[in-house]
Amino acid sequence: MMAALTGLRHGEFKKLRWGDISLDREKPFVSVRSSISKNHKQACLPLHPVLLNALLRLRPLNVDSGNQVFGRLVPRSDVFIEDLKAAGVIKKNSEGRVLDFHSFRHTFCTNLHLAGVSLREAMELMRHSDVRLTMKVYADTALFALRPAVEKLPWNCSGDDAQGDAQKIGAERLSPSLSVTVNEAFESEKQPMKMGFGTLSVILCHGESQIRGMVRAAGFEPATPTV
């Protein structure tokens, strides 16, 4: 539970002491000492309410702050594999993805994304120095709810209007696009380039002749459009 709700690493678990966990404060947290963290930086991670109750039950009476919280309870790799077998959990699936103790960090990161936590907050909780780790390596995008994400997109037209707009765009050979101007698109590139209409992004809908004129005005020769 603590692995999935804090993202602590295997080595950090083994050296975690009761003095590192503050359970009786208004805002309970676990402190990862710089001497045991991977990046050698101290970090304070908030405790989930369910995890807080579990740790309160686990904590012995009059426990010494220097005592290890889990100690030998943290499984070695071979023990973890045997535990998986006993629980009927496959260690390696058909996609070649392997389950190990470190997988709990992936679970923690993925659940942060699914819960709608901002990328910057997730990066801080994961203690990553590179946001790409938080976005790609540790997040299982296969679990993301993409359909609800698309359904959140705003649309001001009714069904009939939307169909009419689509037909109008096709009839007039207009190109709907993303919110970036032609000049911004060109200025963002360091090297000269040729752009086809399939990759040109403009802020409004422009006809083909208008787009060609803007491209030439910017000093570029438009490539032949491809479908």
Protein backbone atom coordinates (compact mmCIF):
# COMPACT_ATOMS: atom_id res chain seq x y z
CA MET A 1 0.00 0.00 0.00
CA MET A 2 2.75 2.41 0.90
CA ALA A 3 4.67 1.60 -2.28
CA ALA A 4 1.64 2.37 -4.45
CA LEU A 5 0.68 5.54 -2.55
CA THR A 6 4.11 7.12 -2.12
CA GLY A 7 6.27 5.83 -4.97
CA LEU A 8 9.13 5.04 -2.58
CA ARG A 9 11.93 2.96 -4.06
CA HIS A 10 12.94 -0.50 -2.85
CA GLY A 11 16.20 0.73 -1.30
CA GLU A 12 14.43 3.59 0.46
CA PHE A 13 11.93 1.17 1.98
CA LYS A 14 14.66 -0.94 3.51
CA LYS A 15 16.23 2.02 5.32
CA LEU A 16 13.06 3.86 6.32
CA ARG A 17 12.84 4.59 10.06
CA TRP A 18 9.89 5.47 12.23
CA GLY A 19 11.53 8.82 12.86
CA ASP A 20 11.11 9.54 9.15
CA ILE A 21 7.33 9.27 9.36
CA SER A 22 5.25 12.02 10.98
CA LEU A 23 1.84 10.54 11.76
CA ASP A 24 0.59 12.82 14.51
CA ARG A 25 0.79 16.15 12.70
CA GLU A 26 -2.02 18.05 11.04
CA LYS A 27 -0.51 17.19 7.68
CA PRO A 28 1.15 13.74 8.01
CA PHE A 29 4.10 12.99 5.77
CA VAL A 30 7.04 10.68 5.21
CA SER A 31 10.49 12.23 4.96
CA VAL A 32 12.96 10.61 2.59
CA ARG A 33 16.41 11.39 3.96
CA SER A 34 19.06 12.59 1.52
CA SER A 35 21.30 9.75 2.69
CA ILE A 36 18.87 7.11 1.38
CA SER A 37 17.28 8.84 -1.63
CA LYS A 38 18.48 8.11 -5.15
CA ASN A 39 19.20 11.75 -6.00
CA HIS A 40 20.68 12.45 -2.54
CA LYS A 41 18.05 15.11 -1.87
CA GLN A 42 15.65 15.14 1.06
CA ALA A 43 11.97 15.04 0.19
CA CYS A 44 8.72 15.16 2.17
CA LEU A 45 5.84 13.18 0.71
CA PRO A 46 2.27 13.61 2.01
CA LEU A 47 0.49 10.52 3.28
CA HIS A 48 -2.81 9.32 1.87
CA PRO A 49 -5.52 9.09 4.61
CA VAL A 50 -5.92 5.32 4.09
CA LEU A 51 -2.16 4.85 4.32
CA LEU A 52 -2.03 7.01 7.45
CA ASN A 53 -4.53 4.75 9.24
CA ALA A 54 -2.61 1.64 8.18
CA LEU A 55 0.68 3.04 9.52
CA LEU A 56 -0.95 4.03 12.81
CA ARG A 57 -2.08 0.43 13.24
CA LEU A 58 1.35 -0.87 12.27
CA ARG A 59 3.37 1.41 14.57
CA PRO A 60 4.36 -0.37 17.82
CA LEU A 61 3.76 1.29 21.17
CA ASN A 62 6.70 3.34 22.47
CA VAL A 63 8.60 2.65 19.26
CA ASP A 64 12.12 4.03 18.98
CA SER A 65 12.49 6.62 16.22
CA GLY A 66 15.61 4.81 14.98
CA ASN A 67 13.82 1.50 14.42
CA GLN A 68 13.18 0.44 10.85
CA VAL A 69 9.57 0.63 9.71
CA PHE A 70 9.63 -2.41 7.42
CA GLY A 71 13.13 -3.86 7.64
CA ARG A 72 13.02 -7.51 6.61
CA LEU A 73 9.43 -7.16 5.48
CA VAL A 74 10.73 -5.57 2.27
CA PRO A 75 10.96 -8.59 -0.06
CA ARG A 76 14.07 -9.57 -1.97
CA SER A 77 13.65 -10.12 -5.70
CA ASP A 78 13.38 -13.91 -5.40
CA VAL A 79 10.86 -13.62 -2.56
CA PHE A 80 8.82 -11.12 -4.56
CA ILE A 81 8.68 -13.56 -7.48
CA GLU A 82 7.47 -16.35 -5.18
CA ASP A 83 4.84 -14.01 -3.74
CA LEU A 84 3.59 -13.30 -7.26
CA LYS A 85 3.29 -17.01 -7.99
CA ALA A 86 1.41 -17.60 -4.74
CA ALA A 87 -1.01 -14.80 -5.61
CA GLY A 88 -1.49 -16.08 -9.16
CA VAL A 89 -0.02 -12.92 -10.69
CA ILE A 90 1.91 -13.21 -13.95
CA LYS A 91 5.40 -11.72 -13.72
CA LYS A 92 5.78 -11.20 -17.49
CA ASN A 93 2.77 -10.65 -19.72
CA SER A 94 2.26 -11.27 -23.43
CA GLU A 95 3.58 -7.80 -24.26
CA GLY A 96 6.87 -8.55 -22.53
CA ARG A 97 6.22 -6.18 -19.65
CA VAL A 98 7.79 -7.40 -16.41
CA LEU A 99 6.33 -6.88 -12.95
CA ASP A 100 8.75 -6.16 -10.11
CA PHE A 101 8.81 -4.09 -6.93
CA HIS A 102 9.71 -0.97 -8.92
CA SER A 103 6.40 -1.35 -10.76
CA PHE A 104 4.70 0.26 -7.77
CA ARG A 105 6.37 3.56 -8.76
CA HIS A 106 4.79 3.22 -12.20
CA THR A 107 1.45 2.55 -10.50
CA PHE A 108 1.86 5.64 -8.34
CA CYS A 109 2.73 7.87 -11.31
CA THR A 110 -0.04 6.52 -13.54
CA ASN A 111 -2.65 6.98 -10.81
CA LEU A 112 -1.52 10.57 -10.29
CA HIS A 113 -2.21 11.24 -13.97
CA LEU A 114 -5.56 9.44 -13.83
CA ALA A 115 -6.55 11.49 -10.78
CA GLY A 116 -6.00 14.70 -12.73
CA VAL A 117 -2.93 15.82 -10.79
CA SER A 118 -1.00 18.50 -12.66
CA LEU A 119 2.18 17.44 -14.43
CA ARG A 120 4.33 19.68 -12.26
CA GLU A 121 2.85 18.24 -9.05
CA ALA A 122 3.26 14.68 -10.33
CA MET A 123 6.88 15.41 -11.22
CA GLU A 124 7.50 16.72 -7.69
CA LEU A 125 5.86 13.73 -6.02
CA MET A 126 7.81 11.33 -8.22
CA ARG A 127 11.00 13.29 -7.42
CA HIS A 128 11.97 13.44 -11.07
CA SER A 129 14.44 15.94 -12.47
CA ASP A 130 13.25 15.35 -16.04
CA VAL A 131 9.57 15.81 -16.84
CA ARG A 132 9.86 13.26 -19.66
CA LEU A 133 10.23 10.51 -17.06
CA THR A 134 6.95 11.54 -15.47
CA MET A 135 5.14 11.90 -18.78
CA LYS A 136 6.36 8.90 -20.74
CA VAL A 137 8.49 6.40 -18.85
CA TYR A 138 6.47 6.01 -15.64
CA ALA A 139 2.96 6.75 -16.89
CA ASP A 140 1.06 3.84 -18.44
CA THR A 141 -0.80 5.69 -21.17
CA ALA A 142 -2.71 2.53 -22.08
CA LEU A 143 -4.81 3.15 -18.96
CA PHE A 144 -5.65 6.75 -19.82
CA ALA A 145 -9.32 7.51 -20.51
CA LEU A 146 -8.98 9.12 -23.93
CA ARG A 147 -12.66 9.06 -24.87
CA PRO A 148 -13.79 11.19 -21.89
CA ALA A 149 -10.92 13.56 -22.69
CA VAL A 150 -12.23 14.08 -26.23
CA GLU A 151 -15.80 14.43 -24.97
CA LYS A 152 -14.71 17.40 -22.82
CA LEU A 153 -13.84 19.44 -25.92
CA PRO A 154 -16.14 22.47 -26.29
CA TRP A 155 -18.36 22.81 -29.35
CA ASN A 156 -20.78 25.69 -29.81
CA CYS A 157 -22.67 24.45 -32.86
CA SER A 158 -25.67 22.17 -32.94
CA GLY A 159 -25.53 18.87 -34.77
CA ASP A 160 -27.09 20.33 -37.97
CA ASP A 161 -24.79 23.35 -37.89
CA ALA A 162 -21.76 21.14 -37.43
CA GLN A 163 -22.67 19.07 -40.48
CA GLY A 164 -23.26 22.20 -42.54
CA ASP A 165 -19.92 23.69 -41.47
CA ALA A 166 -18.09 20.51 -42.43
CA GLN A 167 -19.73 20.50 -45.87
CA LYS A 168 -18.89 24.18 -46.35
CA ILE A 169 -15.26 23.61 -45.48
CA GLY A 170 -15.02 20.76 -47.98
CA ALA A 171 -16.81 22.66 -50.73
CA GLU A 172 -14.68 25.79 -50.38
CA ARG A 173 -11.44 23.82 -49.87
CA LEU A 174 -10.78 25.52 -46.55
CA SER A 175 -8.20 24.30 -44.09
CA PRO A 176 -9.23 24.26 -40.38
CA SER A 177 -6.19 24.45 -38.16
CA LEU A 178 -4.54 24.85 -34.80
CA SER A 179 -4.07 28.11 -32.90
CA VAL A 180 -0.76 29.22 -34.36
CA THR A 181 -0.20 31.85 -37.04
CA VAL A 182 1.75 31.27 -40.23
CA ASN A 183 4.50 33.65 -39.17
CA GLU A 184 4.80 31.91 -35.78
CA ALA A 185 5.10 28.57 -37.53
CA PHE A 186 7.94 29.79 -39.72
CA GLU A 187 9.74 31.73 -36.99
CA SER A 188 9.78 28.66 -34.75
CA GLU A 189 12.03 26.87 -37.23
CA LYS A 190 15.76 27.59 -37.32
CA GLN A 191 16.40 26.19 -40.81
CA PRO A 192 14.70 27.06 -44.15
CA MET A 193 12.02 24.57 -45.04
CA LYS A 194 9.20 23.75 -47.44
CA MET A 195 5.78 23.11 -45.97
CA GLY A 196 2.84 21.30 -47.53
CA PHE A 197 -0.67 22.34 -46.66
CA GLY A 198 -1.09 19.14 -44.68
CA THR A 199 1.33 20.44 -42.05
CA LEU A 200 0.63 24.19 -42.20
CA SER A 201 -1.16 25.51 -39.11
CA VAL A 202 -3.00 28.84 -39.15
CA ILE A 203 -5.22 30.51 -36.63
CA LEU A 204 -8.30 30.81 -38.88
CA CYS A 205 -9.73 28.94 -41.85
CA HIS A 206 -8.12 30.13 -45.08
CA GLY A 207 -8.71 29.12 -48.67
CA GLU A 208 -5.94 27.43 -50.61
CA SER A 209 -5.07 30.59 -52.59
CA GLN A 210 -4.86 32.64 -49.37
CA ILE A 211 -2.51 30.15 -47.76
CA ARG A 212 -0.27 30.09 -50.84
CA GLY A 213 -0.11 33.88 -50.80
CA MET A 214 0.86 33.99 -47.10
CA VAL A 215 3.50 31.30 -47.58
CA ARG A 216 5.08 33.16 -50.50
CA ALA A 217 4.89 36.45 -48.58
CA ALA A 218 6.92 34.80 -45.84
CA GLY A 219 9.61 33.94 -48.36
CA PHE A 220 8.88 30.24 -48.80
CA GLU A 221 7.76 28.22 -51.77
CA PRO A 222 4.80 26.04 -50.79
CA ALA A 223 5.21 22.36 -51.52
CA THR A 224 2.65 20.45 -53.52
CA PRO A 225 -0.23 19.58 -51.19
CA THR A 226 -0.70 15.92 -50.47
CA VAL A 227 -3.74 14.03 -49.25
